[in-house]
């Protein structure tokens, strides 16, 4: 699993990162909000661990931006000062949990595991025609045999499956699948067309002029 960490306290950030890496997680860490938004591909993470009071753009605004991108990845806020207004605002923005500083690093991991367990049903999606999408493998199977997709096709299918039932816009697909300012709708449509040929046209619905969505 891959975690995005936002923490401006240098020693704490390094300790969290070191601990989680030792526990088998992959971690990208940042010490201010604008640096995070400029450099992180927000679609590729399994968890967000966000300090609230950080330079430039605070943790609340970061999560608001993330949710505005229709990214439903779970988020934990960590903060030294948590009052009822903070709790109300954070949960209103869609965070999964709060952790008050100082905290034991083992407690952070326990909370990550607990949240992951609550999302267990999301790790596999059963589709029509005997298809199963596996989020851990980021692959789709039919009768226990993997359907071979290109790297770009796999990336595009993942973001569609992660948002199953919701429309994923062309811009969101481009943001996730490409690192530059690529916005060629025709190329994305071509990849989608090829995916539909392999898994069935009924799985991915075209929402004209907007994007695509997975139909279970």
N, C-alpha and C. Protein backbone atom coordinates (compact mmCIF):
# COMPACT_ATOMS: atom_id res chain seq x y z
N UNK A 1 0.83 -1.20 0.00
CA UNK A 1 0.00 0.00 0.00
C UNK A 1 0.87 1.25 0.00
N UNK A 2 0.33 2.30 -0.61
CA UNK A 2 1.09 3.53 -0.76
C UNK A 2 0.40 4.67 -0.02
N UNK A 3 1.17 5.38 0.78
CA UNK A 3 0.64 6.44 1.64
C UNK A 3 1.23 7.79 1.26
N UNK A 4 0.37 8.80 1.24
CA UNK A 4 0.82 10.18 1.06
C UNK A 4 0.78 10.87 2.41
N UNK A 5 1.94 11.33 2.87
CA UNK A 5 2.07 11.94 4.19
C UNK A 5 2.36 13.43 4.06
N UNK A 6 1.57 14.25 4.77
CA UNK A 6 1.80 15.69 4.84
C UNK A 6 2.04 16.06 6.30
N UNK A 7 3.26 16.47 6.62
CA UNK A 7 3.64 16.83 7.99
C UNK A 7 4.82 17.79 7.93
N UNK A 8 4.66 18.99 8.53
CA UNK A 8 5.72 19.99 8.43
C UNK A 8 6.77 19.88 9.53
N UNK A 9 6.49 19.12 10.58
CA UNK A 9 7.48 18.93 11.64
C UNK A 9 8.50 17.89 11.17
N UNK A 10 9.72 18.32 10.95
CA UNK A 10 10.71 17.50 10.27
C UNK A 10 10.97 16.16 10.95
N UNK A 11 11.21 16.17 12.25
CA UNK A 11 11.54 14.93 12.97
C UNK A 11 10.36 13.96 12.95
N UNK A 12 9.17 14.48 13.21
CA UNK A 12 7.98 13.62 13.22
C UNK A 12 7.73 13.04 11.84
N UNK A 13 7.84 13.85 10.80
CA UNK A 13 7.63 13.37 9.43
C UNK A 13 8.58 12.22 9.10
N UNK A 14 9.86 12.40 9.45
CA UNK A 14 10.85 11.37 9.15
C UNK A 14 10.60 10.10 9.97
N UNK A 15 10.17 10.28 11.23
CA UNK A 15 9.89 9.10 12.07
C UNK A 15 8.69 8.32 11.55
N UNK A 16 7.63 9.03 11.15
CA UNK A 16 6.46 8.36 10.59
C UNK A 16 6.83 7.62 9.31
N UNK A 17 7.56 8.31 8.44
CA UNK A 17 7.96 7.70 7.16
C UNK A 17 8.82 6.46 7.39
N UNK A 18 9.80 6.57 8.26
CA UNK A 18 10.69 5.43 8.54
C UNK A 18 9.91 4.25 9.11
N UNK A 19 9.02 4.52 10.05
CA UNK A 19 8.24 3.45 10.69
C UNK A 19 7.35 2.74 9.67
N UNK A 20 6.64 3.49 8.86
CA UNK A 20 5.72 2.89 7.89
C UNK A 20 6.46 2.10 6.82
N UNK A 21 7.62 2.59 6.41
CA UNK A 21 8.42 1.85 5.43
C UNK A 21 8.89 0.52 6.02
N UNK A 22 9.30 0.55 7.28
CA UNK A 22 9.71 -0.69 7.95
C UNK A 22 8.56 -1.68 8.05
N UNK A 23 7.34 -1.16 8.10
CA UNK A 23 6.15 -2.02 8.17
C UNK A 23 5.66 -2.47 6.80
N UNK A 24 6.38 -2.08 5.77
CA UNK A 24 6.05 -2.57 4.42
C UNK A 24 5.24 -1.62 3.55
N UNK A 25 5.01 -0.41 4.05
CA UNK A 25 4.28 0.57 3.25
C UNK A 25 5.24 1.35 2.35
N UNK A 26 4.70 1.88 1.27
CA UNK A 26 5.42 2.86 0.46
C UNK A 26 4.92 4.23 0.88
N UNK A 27 5.84 5.19 1.02
CA UNK A 27 5.47 6.50 1.55
C UNK A 27 6.08 7.62 0.71
N UNK A 28 5.25 8.58 0.32
CA UNK A 28 5.73 9.85 -0.23
C UNK A 28 5.38 10.92 0.80
N UNK A 29 6.36 11.71 1.22
CA UNK A 29 6.09 12.69 2.28
C UNK A 29 6.41 14.11 1.81
N UNK A 30 5.63 15.06 2.34
CA UNK A 30 5.78 16.47 2.00
C UNK A 30 5.64 17.31 3.27
N UNK A 31 6.29 18.49 3.26
CA UNK A 31 6.25 19.34 4.44
C UNK A 31 5.40 20.59 4.26
N UNK A 32 4.81 20.79 3.07
CA UNK A 32 3.87 21.90 2.89
C UNK A 32 2.87 21.55 1.79
N UNK A 33 1.71 22.19 1.87
CA UNK A 33 0.61 21.83 1.01
C UNK A 33 0.82 22.12 -0.46
N UNK A 34 1.40 23.27 -0.78
CA UNK A 34 1.59 23.61 -2.19
C UNK A 34 2.59 22.67 -2.86
N UNK A 35 3.64 22.31 -2.14
CA UNK A 35 4.62 21.37 -2.67
C UNK A 35 3.95 20.03 -2.96
N UNK A 36 3.06 19.61 -2.07
CA UNK A 36 2.34 18.35 -2.27
C UNK A 36 1.51 18.41 -3.56
N UNK A 37 0.72 19.46 -3.72
CA UNK A 37 -0.15 19.56 -4.89
C UNK A 37 0.64 19.68 -6.18
N UNK A 38 1.81 20.29 -6.11
CA UNK A 38 2.63 20.47 -7.30
C UNK A 38 3.32 19.18 -7.74
N UNK A 39 3.53 18.24 -6.81
CA UNK A 39 4.38 17.10 -7.11
C UNK A 39 3.73 15.72 -6.98
N UNK A 40 2.62 15.61 -6.27
CA UNK A 40 2.03 14.29 -6.01
C UNK A 40 0.91 13.99 -7.00
N UNK A 41 0.91 12.75 -7.52
CA UNK A 41 -0.22 12.26 -8.31
C UNK A 41 -1.24 11.69 -7.32
N UNK A 42 -2.24 12.47 -7.00
CA UNK A 42 -3.15 12.14 -5.91
C UNK A 42 -3.94 10.86 -6.13
N UNK A 43 -4.02 10.41 -7.36
CA UNK A 43 -4.83 9.24 -7.68
C UNK A 43 -4.14 7.91 -7.35
N UNK A 44 -2.84 7.94 -7.05
CA UNK A 44 -2.12 6.68 -6.94
C UNK A 44 -1.95 6.18 -5.50
N UNK A 45 -2.56 6.86 -4.53
CA UNK A 45 -2.33 6.49 -3.13
C UNK A 45 -3.50 5.69 -2.55
N UNK A 46 -3.17 4.88 -1.53
CA UNK A 46 -4.18 4.09 -0.82
C UNK A 46 -4.65 4.77 0.46
N UNK A 47 -3.82 5.69 1.00
CA UNK A 47 -4.18 6.46 2.19
C UNK A 47 -3.57 7.85 2.10
N UNK A 48 -4.26 8.82 2.71
CA UNK A 48 -3.69 10.14 2.95
C UNK A 48 -3.57 10.34 4.46
N UNK A 49 -2.39 10.72 4.93
CA UNK A 49 -2.18 11.08 6.33
C UNK A 49 -1.78 12.55 6.32
N UNK A 50 -2.67 13.42 6.83
CA UNK A 50 -2.51 14.85 6.64
C UNK A 50 -2.48 15.62 7.95
N UNK A 51 -1.40 16.36 8.16
CA UNK A 51 -1.39 17.33 9.26
C UNK A 51 -2.29 18.49 8.83
N UNK A 52 -2.92 19.14 9.80
CA UNK A 52 -3.83 20.23 9.46
C UNK A 52 -3.08 21.55 9.28
N UNK A 53 -2.28 21.92 10.28
CA UNK A 53 -1.59 23.21 10.25
C UNK A 53 -0.22 23.07 9.61
N UNK A 54 -0.18 23.25 8.29
CA UNK A 54 1.08 23.18 7.54
C UNK A 54 1.19 24.44 6.68
N UNK A 55 2.40 24.77 6.24
CA UNK A 55 2.60 25.99 5.44
C UNK A 55 1.86 25.97 4.10
N UNK A 56 1.54 27.16 3.63
CA UNK A 56 0.99 27.43 2.29
C UNK A 56 -0.48 27.01 2.15
N UNK A 57 -0.73 25.71 2.12
CA UNK A 57 -2.10 25.20 1.98
C UNK A 57 -2.31 24.18 3.08
N UNK A 58 -3.31 24.40 3.95
CA UNK A 58 -3.46 23.52 5.10
C UNK A 58 -4.13 22.20 4.75
N UNK A 59 -4.13 21.29 5.71
CA UNK A 59 -4.65 19.95 5.46
C UNK A 59 -6.12 19.94 5.09
N UNK A 60 -6.92 20.85 5.67
CA UNK A 60 -8.33 20.93 5.31
C UNK A 60 -8.50 21.24 3.82
N UNK A 61 -7.74 22.23 3.34
CA UNK A 61 -7.85 22.62 1.94
C UNK A 61 -7.33 21.52 1.01
N UNK A 62 -6.31 20.80 1.47
CA UNK A 62 -5.80 19.68 0.68
C UNK A 62 -6.88 18.62 0.50
N UNK A 63 -7.56 18.25 1.60
CA UNK A 63 -8.59 17.23 1.49
C UNK A 63 -9.77 17.74 0.66
N UNK A 64 -10.12 19.01 0.81
CA UNK A 64 -11.19 19.59 0.00
C UNK A 64 -10.85 19.49 -1.48
N UNK A 65 -9.60 19.77 -1.83
CA UNK A 65 -9.15 19.66 -3.22
C UNK A 65 -9.22 18.21 -3.70
N UNK A 66 -8.77 17.29 -2.85
CA UNK A 66 -8.79 15.86 -3.19
C UNK A 66 -10.22 15.40 -3.48
N UNK A 67 -11.15 15.73 -2.59
CA UNK A 67 -12.55 15.32 -2.77
C UNK A 67 -13.15 15.98 -4.01
N UNK A 68 -12.67 17.19 -4.34
CA UNK A 68 -13.14 17.87 -5.54
C UNK A 68 -12.74 17.15 -6.81
N UNK A 69 -11.71 16.33 -6.70
CA UNK A 69 -11.25 15.51 -7.83
C UNK A 69 -11.98 14.16 -7.87
N UNK A 70 -12.97 13.98 -7.00
CA UNK A 70 -13.73 12.72 -6.90
C UNK A 70 -12.84 11.55 -6.50
N UNK A 71 -11.83 11.83 -5.68
CA UNK A 71 -10.94 10.80 -5.15
C UNK A 71 -11.48 10.38 -3.79
N UNK A 72 -11.84 9.10 -3.65
CA UNK A 72 -12.45 8.63 -2.41
C UNK A 72 -11.47 7.87 -1.52
N UNK A 73 -10.18 8.07 -1.73
CA UNK A 73 -9.15 7.45 -0.90
C UNK A 73 -9.30 7.91 0.55
N UNK A 74 -9.26 7.00 1.53
CA UNK A 74 -9.42 7.39 2.93
C UNK A 74 -8.31 8.31 3.42
N UNK A 75 -8.68 9.22 4.32
CA UNK A 75 -7.72 10.20 4.85
C UNK A 75 -7.80 10.25 6.37
N UNK A 76 -6.63 10.35 7.00
CA UNK A 76 -6.52 10.53 8.45
C UNK A 76 -5.89 11.90 8.70
N UNK A 77 -6.54 12.71 9.55
CA UNK A 77 -5.94 13.96 9.97
C UNK A 77 -5.13 13.72 11.24
N UNK A 78 -3.93 14.32 11.31
CA UNK A 78 -3.13 14.30 12.52
C UNK A 78 -2.90 15.75 12.93
N UNK A 79 -3.11 16.05 14.20
CA UNK A 79 -2.98 17.44 14.64
C UNK A 79 -2.78 17.51 16.14
N UNK A 80 -2.07 18.55 16.58
CA UNK A 80 -1.85 18.76 18.00
C UNK A 80 -3.03 19.42 18.68
N UNK A 81 -3.85 20.13 17.90
CA UNK A 81 -5.00 20.83 18.46
C UNK A 81 -6.26 20.39 17.73
N UNK A 82 -7.07 19.61 18.42
CA UNK A 82 -8.32 19.13 17.83
C UNK A 82 -9.47 19.50 18.76
N UNK A 83 -10.33 20.40 18.32
CA UNK A 83 -11.53 20.72 19.08
C UNK A 83 -12.74 20.26 18.28
N UNK A 84 -13.92 20.47 18.82
CA UNK A 84 -15.13 19.98 18.17
C UNK A 84 -15.34 20.62 16.81
N UNK A 85 -14.91 21.86 16.65
CA UNK A 85 -15.05 22.53 15.35
C UNK A 85 -14.15 21.88 14.31
N UNK A 86 -12.92 21.53 14.71
CA UNK A 86 -12.01 20.84 13.80
C UNK A 86 -12.59 19.48 13.40
N UNK A 87 -13.09 18.75 14.39
CA UNK A 87 -13.67 17.43 14.12
C UNK A 87 -14.83 17.54 13.15
N UNK A 88 -15.70 18.50 13.40
CA UNK A 88 -16.87 18.69 12.55
C UNK A 88 -16.45 19.06 11.13
N UNK A 89 -15.48 19.95 11.01
CA UNK A 89 -15.03 20.37 9.69
C UNK A 89 -14.36 19.22 8.94
N UNK A 90 -13.48 18.48 9.64
CA UNK A 90 -12.75 17.39 9.01
C UNK A 90 -13.66 16.29 8.52
N UNK A 91 -14.57 15.84 9.38
CA UNK A 91 -15.50 14.79 8.97
C UNK A 91 -16.46 15.29 7.90
N UNK A 92 -16.78 16.58 7.96
CA UNK A 92 -17.63 17.15 6.92
C UNK A 92 -16.96 17.14 5.56
N UNK A 93 -15.64 17.29 5.56
CA UNK A 93 -14.87 17.24 4.31
C UNK A 93 -14.67 15.81 3.81
N UNK A 94 -14.88 14.83 4.71
CA UNK A 94 -14.79 13.44 4.27
C UNK A 94 -13.61 12.66 4.81
N UNK A 95 -12.99 13.13 5.90
CA UNK A 95 -11.88 12.34 6.46
C UNK A 95 -12.43 11.08 7.13
N UNK A 96 -11.57 10.07 7.26
CA UNK A 96 -11.98 8.80 7.84
C UNK A 96 -11.70 8.73 9.33
N UNK A 97 -10.70 9.51 9.81
CA UNK A 97 -10.32 9.41 11.22
C UNK A 97 -9.49 10.63 11.60
N UNK A 98 -9.36 10.85 12.92
CA UNK A 98 -8.50 11.87 13.50
C UNK A 98 -7.53 11.21 14.47
N UNK A 99 -6.32 11.72 14.54
CA UNK A 99 -5.33 11.24 15.50
C UNK A 99 -4.65 12.46 16.12
N UNK A 100 -4.80 12.58 17.45
CA UNK A 100 -4.24 13.74 18.14
C UNK A 100 -2.78 13.52 18.49
N UNK A 101 -1.96 14.52 18.21
CA UNK A 101 -0.55 14.50 18.59
C UNK A 101 -0.43 14.81 20.08
N UNK A 102 0.57 14.25 20.77
CA UNK A 102 1.49 13.22 20.27
C UNK A 102 0.80 11.85 20.26
N UNK A 103 1.24 10.98 19.39
CA UNK A 103 0.65 9.65 19.29
C UNK A 103 1.74 8.61 19.08
N UNK A 104 1.41 7.39 19.44
CA UNK A 104 2.33 6.27 19.21
C UNK A 104 2.24 5.87 17.74
N UNK A 105 3.37 5.64 17.12
CA UNK A 105 3.37 5.28 15.70
C UNK A 105 2.61 3.98 15.45
N UNK A 106 2.62 3.09 16.44
CA UNK A 106 1.86 1.84 16.30
C UNK A 106 0.36 2.13 16.24
N UNK A 107 -0.07 3.16 16.95
CA UNK A 107 -1.49 3.52 16.91
C UNK A 107 -1.88 4.00 15.52
N UNK A 108 -1.01 4.75 14.89
CA UNK A 108 -1.27 5.20 13.52
C UNK A 108 -1.46 4.00 12.60
N UNK A 109 -0.56 3.03 12.72
CA UNK A 109 -0.68 1.84 11.87
C UNK A 109 -1.97 1.08 12.16
N UNK A 110 -2.34 0.97 13.44
CA UNK A 110 -3.58 0.27 13.79
C UNK A 110 -4.79 0.96 13.17
N UNK A 111 -4.77 2.28 13.17
CA UNK A 111 -5.89 3.01 12.57
C UNK A 111 -5.92 2.83 11.06
N UNK A 112 -4.75 2.78 10.42
CA UNK A 112 -4.68 2.52 8.99
C UNK A 112 -5.25 1.14 8.67
N UNK A 113 -4.87 0.15 9.47
CA UNK A 113 -5.37 -1.21 9.25
C UNK A 113 -6.88 -1.28 9.45
N UNK A 114 -7.37 -0.58 10.48
CA UNK A 114 -8.80 -0.60 10.76
C UNK A 114 -9.59 0.00 9.60
N UNK A 115 -9.09 1.10 9.08
CA UNK A 115 -9.76 1.73 7.93
C UNK A 115 -9.70 0.81 6.72
N UNK A 116 -8.54 0.19 6.51
CA UNK A 116 -8.41 -0.72 5.37
C UNK A 116 -9.42 -1.86 5.48
N UNK A 117 -9.59 -2.40 6.68
CA UNK A 117 -10.54 -3.50 6.87
C UNK A 117 -11.96 -3.07 6.56
N UNK A 118 -12.27 -1.81 6.84
CA UNK A 118 -13.62 -1.32 6.56
C UNK A 118 -13.86 -1.15 5.07
N UNK A 119 -12.74 -1.12 4.30
CA UNK A 119 -12.85 -0.98 2.85
C UNK A 119 -12.64 -2.32 2.16
N UNK A 120 -12.66 -3.43 2.93
CA UNK A 120 -12.36 -4.74 2.36
C UNK A 120 -13.26 -5.08 1.18
N UNK A 121 -14.52 -4.71 1.30
CA UNK A 121 -15.46 -5.05 0.23
C UNK A 121 -15.11 -4.37 -1.07
N UNK A 122 -14.28 -3.32 -0.98
CA UNK A 122 -13.90 -2.57 -2.17
C UNK A 122 -12.67 -3.16 -2.86
N UNK A 123 -12.04 -4.17 -2.25
CA UNK A 123 -10.81 -4.70 -2.82
C UNK A 123 -11.06 -5.54 -4.06
N UNK A 124 -12.28 -6.07 -4.18
CA UNK A 124 -12.66 -6.82 -5.37
C UNK A 124 -14.06 -6.41 -5.79
N UNK A 125 -14.26 -6.28 -7.08
CA UNK A 125 -15.57 -5.99 -7.62
C UNK A 125 -15.97 -7.12 -8.55
N UNK A 126 -17.16 -7.66 -8.33
CA UNK A 126 -17.68 -8.71 -9.22
C UNK A 126 -18.55 -8.04 -10.28
N UNK A 127 -18.17 -8.25 -11.53
CA UNK A 127 -18.87 -7.63 -12.64
C UNK A 127 -19.68 -8.69 -13.40
N UNK A 128 -20.29 -8.28 -14.49
CA UNK A 128 -21.07 -9.21 -15.30
C UNK A 128 -20.12 -10.14 -16.09
N UNK A 129 -20.70 -11.19 -16.68
CA UNK A 129 -19.94 -12.12 -17.53
C UNK A 129 -18.80 -12.82 -16.81
N UNK A 130 -18.93 -12.99 -15.47
CA UNK A 130 -17.90 -13.71 -14.74
C UNK A 130 -16.62 -12.93 -14.53
N UNK A 131 -16.67 -11.61 -14.70
CA UNK A 131 -15.49 -10.77 -14.53
C UNK A 131 -15.32 -10.37 -13.06
N UNK A 132 -14.06 -10.33 -12.61
CA UNK A 132 -13.73 -9.87 -11.27
C UNK A 132 -12.58 -8.88 -11.37
N UNK A 133 -12.76 -7.69 -10.79
CA UNK A 133 -11.66 -6.72 -10.75
C UNK A 133 -11.03 -6.75 -9.37
N UNK A 134 -9.70 -6.92 -9.33
CA UNK A 134 -8.93 -7.00 -8.10
C UNK A 134 -8.12 -5.72 -7.93
N UNK A 135 -8.42 -4.97 -6.84
CA UNK A 135 -7.75 -3.68 -6.64
C UNK A 135 -6.29 -3.84 -6.22
N UNK A 136 -5.98 -4.88 -5.45
CA UNK A 136 -4.59 -5.09 -5.05
C UNK A 136 -3.71 -5.37 -6.26
N UNK A 137 -4.20 -6.22 -7.16
CA UNK A 137 -3.44 -6.57 -8.37
C UNK A 137 -3.61 -5.54 -9.47
N UNK A 138 -4.63 -4.67 -9.32
CA UNK A 138 -4.99 -3.71 -10.37
C UNK A 138 -5.17 -4.42 -11.70
N UNK A 139 -5.90 -5.53 -11.63
CA UNK A 139 -6.10 -6.38 -12.80
C UNK A 139 -7.52 -6.91 -12.83
N UNK A 140 -7.96 -7.30 -14.02
CA UNK A 140 -9.29 -7.86 -14.18
C UNK A 140 -9.17 -9.31 -14.64
N UNK A 141 -10.02 -10.17 -14.07
CA UNK A 141 -9.94 -11.60 -14.32
C UNK A 141 -11.26 -12.13 -14.85
N UNK A 142 -11.17 -13.17 -15.66
CA UNK A 142 -12.35 -13.91 -16.08
C UNK A 142 -12.06 -15.39 -15.91
N UNK A 143 -12.88 -16.07 -15.12
CA UNK A 143 -12.69 -17.49 -14.80
C UNK A 143 -11.27 -17.72 -14.27
N UNK A 144 -10.84 -16.82 -13.36
CA UNK A 144 -9.53 -16.88 -12.69
C UNK A 144 -8.34 -16.70 -13.62
N UNK A 145 -8.59 -16.25 -14.83
CA UNK A 145 -7.50 -15.96 -15.77
C UNK A 145 -7.45 -14.46 -16.02
N UNK A 146 -6.24 -13.90 -15.92
CA UNK A 146 -6.08 -12.47 -16.08
C UNK A 146 -6.31 -12.06 -17.53
N UNK A 147 -7.00 -10.95 -17.71
CA UNK A 147 -7.16 -10.37 -19.05
C UNK A 147 -6.02 -9.39 -19.25
N UNK A 148 -5.19 -9.66 -20.22
CA UNK A 148 -3.98 -8.87 -20.42
C UNK A 148 -4.30 -7.51 -21.04
N UNK A 149 -3.97 -6.45 -20.30
CA UNK A 149 -4.13 -5.08 -20.78
C UNK A 149 -2.77 -4.41 -20.85
N UNK A 150 -2.66 -3.38 -21.68
CA UNK A 150 -1.43 -2.61 -21.70
C UNK A 150 -1.32 -1.81 -20.41
N UNK A 151 -0.14 -1.27 -20.14
CA UNK A 151 0.07 -0.48 -18.92
C UNK A 151 -0.91 0.69 -18.84
N UNK A 152 -1.07 1.41 -19.94
CA UNK A 152 -1.96 2.57 -19.95
C UNK A 152 -3.41 2.14 -19.79
N UNK A 153 -3.79 1.04 -20.42
CA UNK A 153 -5.16 0.53 -20.28
C UNK A 153 -5.44 0.13 -18.84
N UNK A 154 -4.46 -0.49 -18.18
CA UNK A 154 -4.63 -0.90 -16.78
C UNK A 154 -4.82 0.30 -15.87
N UNK A 155 -4.06 1.35 -16.13
CA UNK A 155 -4.16 2.57 -15.33
C UNK A 155 -5.54 3.20 -15.49
N UNK A 156 -6.01 3.28 -16.72
CA UNK A 156 -7.32 3.89 -16.99
C UNK A 156 -8.43 3.05 -16.37
N UNK A 157 -8.35 1.73 -16.51
CA UNK A 157 -9.38 0.87 -15.95
C UNK A 157 -9.41 0.98 -14.42
N UNK A 158 -8.24 1.13 -13.80
CA UNK A 158 -8.18 1.25 -12.34
C UNK A 158 -8.94 2.47 -11.85
N UNK A 159 -8.73 3.62 -12.48
CA UNK A 159 -9.40 4.83 -12.01
C UNK A 159 -10.90 4.75 -12.24
N UNK A 160 -11.32 4.04 -13.29
CA UNK A 160 -12.75 3.85 -13.53
C UNK A 160 -13.36 2.92 -12.48
N UNK A 161 -12.65 1.82 -12.18
CA UNK A 161 -13.14 0.87 -11.18
C UNK A 161 -13.17 1.48 -9.78
N UNK A 162 -12.17 2.28 -9.48
CA UNK A 162 -12.10 2.91 -8.15
C UNK A 162 -13.28 3.84 -7.92
N UNK A 163 -13.82 4.37 -9.01
CA UNK A 163 -14.96 5.28 -8.92
C UNK A 163 -16.21 4.65 -9.51
N UNK A 164 -16.31 3.32 -9.39
CA UNK A 164 -17.43 2.62 -10.03
C UNK A 164 -18.78 3.20 -9.60
N UNK A 165 -19.65 3.34 -10.59
CA UNK A 165 -20.96 3.91 -10.36
C UNK A 165 -21.00 5.41 -10.53
N UNK A 166 -19.82 6.06 -10.52
CA UNK A 166 -19.73 7.51 -10.70
C UNK A 166 -19.08 7.83 -12.03
N UNK A 167 -19.46 8.96 -12.60
CA UNK A 167 -18.85 9.38 -13.86
C UNK A 167 -17.44 9.91 -13.60
N UNK A 168 -16.47 9.40 -14.36
CA UNK A 168 -15.09 9.88 -14.28
C UNK A 168 -14.83 10.72 -15.52
N UNK A 169 -14.52 11.99 -15.31
CA UNK A 169 -14.37 12.91 -16.44
C UNK A 169 -13.09 12.63 -17.22
N UNK A 170 -13.06 13.16 -18.45
CA UNK A 170 -11.86 13.04 -19.27
C UNK A 170 -10.65 13.65 -18.56
N UNK A 171 -10.86 14.82 -17.92
CA UNK A 171 -9.76 15.49 -17.23
C UNK A 171 -9.22 14.64 -16.08
N UNK A 172 -10.11 13.98 -15.34
CA UNK A 172 -9.68 13.13 -14.23
C UNK A 172 -8.87 11.96 -14.75
N UNK A 173 -9.34 11.34 -15.82
CA UNK A 173 -8.59 10.22 -16.42
C UNK A 173 -7.22 10.69 -16.89
N UNK A 174 -7.18 11.86 -17.53
CA UNK A 174 -5.90 12.39 -18.02
C UNK A 174 -4.96 12.72 -16.87
N UNK A 175 -5.50 13.30 -15.79
CA UNK A 175 -4.68 13.62 -14.61
C UNK A 175 -4.04 12.37 -14.03
N UNK A 176 -4.80 11.29 -13.99
CA UNK A 176 -4.31 10.06 -13.38
C UNK A 176 -3.37 9.29 -14.31
N UNK A 177 -3.70 9.23 -15.58
CA UNK A 177 -2.98 8.35 -16.51
C UNK A 177 -1.74 9.00 -17.12
N UNK A 178 -1.69 10.33 -17.09
CA UNK A 178 -0.59 11.02 -17.75
C UNK A 178 0.02 12.05 -16.80
N UNK A 179 1.32 12.18 -16.83
CA UNK A 179 2.03 13.07 -15.91
C UNK A 179 2.09 14.51 -16.41
N UNK A 180 1.94 14.71 -17.72
CA UNK A 180 2.05 16.06 -18.27
C UNK A 180 0.66 16.67 -18.44
N UNK A 181 0.55 17.65 -19.32
CA UNK A 181 -0.72 18.33 -19.54
C UNK A 181 -1.52 17.70 -20.67
N UNK A 182 -1.30 16.43 -20.92
CA UNK A 182 -1.98 15.70 -21.98
C UNK A 182 -3.49 15.77 -21.79
N UNK A 183 -4.21 16.12 -22.86
CA UNK A 183 -5.67 16.20 -22.78
C UNK A 183 -6.30 15.71 -24.09
N UNK A 184 -5.70 14.73 -24.74
CA UNK A 184 -6.20 14.21 -26.01
C UNK A 184 -7.36 13.25 -25.76
N UNK A 185 -8.57 13.74 -25.90
CA UNK A 185 -9.76 12.92 -25.66
C UNK A 185 -9.80 11.72 -26.59
N UNK A 186 -9.35 11.91 -27.82
CA UNK A 186 -9.42 10.83 -28.81
C UNK A 186 -8.53 9.65 -28.41
N UNK A 187 -7.35 9.94 -27.85
CA UNK A 187 -6.46 8.87 -27.41
C UNK A 187 -7.07 8.12 -26.23
N UNK A 188 -7.63 8.85 -25.28
CA UNK A 188 -8.29 8.22 -24.14
C UNK A 188 -9.46 7.37 -24.62
N UNK A 189 -10.26 7.91 -25.54
CA UNK A 189 -11.40 7.17 -26.08
C UNK A 189 -10.94 5.90 -26.78
N UNK A 190 -9.80 5.96 -27.46
CA UNK A 190 -9.25 4.78 -28.13
C UNK A 190 -8.87 3.70 -27.13
N UNK A 191 -8.24 4.10 -26.02
CA UNK A 191 -7.90 3.14 -24.97
C UNK A 191 -9.17 2.50 -24.38
N UNK A 192 -10.17 3.33 -24.13
CA UNK A 192 -11.43 2.82 -23.58
C UNK A 192 -12.07 1.83 -24.55
N UNK A 193 -12.05 2.15 -25.82
CA UNK A 193 -12.63 1.28 -26.85
C UNK A 193 -11.94 -0.09 -26.84
N UNK A 194 -10.62 -0.08 -26.72
CA UNK A 194 -9.87 -1.34 -26.71
C UNK A 194 -10.17 -2.15 -25.44
N UNK A 195 -10.30 -1.45 -24.31
CA UNK A 195 -10.64 -2.13 -23.04
C UNK A 195 -12.02 -2.79 -23.16
N UNK A 196 -12.97 -2.06 -23.72
CA UNK A 196 -14.34 -2.57 -23.86
C UNK A 196 -14.39 -3.81 -24.76
N UNK A 197 -13.52 -3.85 -25.76
CA UNK A 197 -13.47 -5.03 -26.63
C UNK A 197 -13.07 -6.27 -25.85
N UNK A 198 -12.19 -6.08 -24.86
CA UNK A 198 -11.66 -7.21 -24.11
C UNK A 198 -12.55 -7.63 -22.93
N UNK A 199 -13.25 -6.67 -22.32
CA UNK A 199 -14.02 -7.01 -21.12
C UNK A 199 -15.53 -6.90 -21.33
N UNK A 200 -15.93 -6.39 -22.49
CA UNK A 200 -17.36 -6.26 -22.77
C UNK A 200 -17.81 -4.82 -22.75
N UNK A 201 -18.55 -4.40 -23.75
CA UNK A 201 -18.97 -3.00 -23.88
C UNK A 201 -19.95 -2.57 -22.80
N UNK A 202 -20.65 -3.57 -22.17
CA UNK A 202 -21.66 -3.23 -21.18
C UNK A 202 -21.06 -2.80 -19.84
N UNK A 203 -19.77 -3.06 -19.62
CA UNK A 203 -19.13 -2.75 -18.33
C UNK A 203 -18.84 -1.26 -18.20
N UNK A 204 -18.39 -0.63 -19.27
CA UNK A 204 -18.03 0.79 -19.25
C UNK A 204 -19.00 1.58 -20.11
N UNK A 205 -19.69 2.52 -19.48
CA UNK A 205 -20.68 3.34 -20.18
C UNK A 205 -20.09 4.69 -20.54
N UNK A 206 -20.34 5.12 -21.77
CA UNK A 206 -19.90 6.43 -22.22
C UNK A 206 -20.95 7.47 -21.85
N UNK A 207 -20.54 8.49 -21.10
CA UNK A 207 -21.43 9.60 -20.77
C UNK A 207 -21.04 10.75 -21.69
N UNK A 208 -21.79 10.92 -22.73
CA UNK A 208 -21.40 11.80 -23.84
C UNK A 208 -20.98 13.19 -23.37
N UNK A 209 -19.79 13.58 -23.82
CA UNK A 209 -19.28 14.92 -23.55
C UNK A 209 -18.73 15.12 -22.14
N UNK A 210 -18.82 14.07 -21.30
CA UNK A 210 -18.37 14.20 -19.91
C UNK A 210 -17.25 13.23 -19.58
N UNK A 211 -17.49 11.94 -19.80
CA UNK A 211 -16.49 10.92 -19.47
C UNK A 211 -17.07 9.52 -19.52
N UNK A 212 -16.67 8.69 -18.56
CA UNK A 212 -17.10 7.29 -18.55
C UNK A 212 -17.42 6.86 -17.12
N UNK A 213 -18.22 5.80 -17.02
CA UNK A 213 -18.44 5.20 -15.71
C UNK A 213 -18.63 3.70 -15.84
N UNK A 214 -18.21 2.98 -14.80
CA UNK A 214 -18.36 1.54 -14.74
C UNK A 214 -19.76 1.21 -14.23
N UNK A 215 -20.40 0.28 -14.92
CA UNK A 215 -21.74 -0.18 -14.54
C UNK A 215 -21.63 -1.59 -14.02
N UNK A 216 -21.97 -1.81 -12.75
CA UNK A 216 -21.86 -3.13 -12.14
C UNK A 216 -23.02 -4.03 -12.56
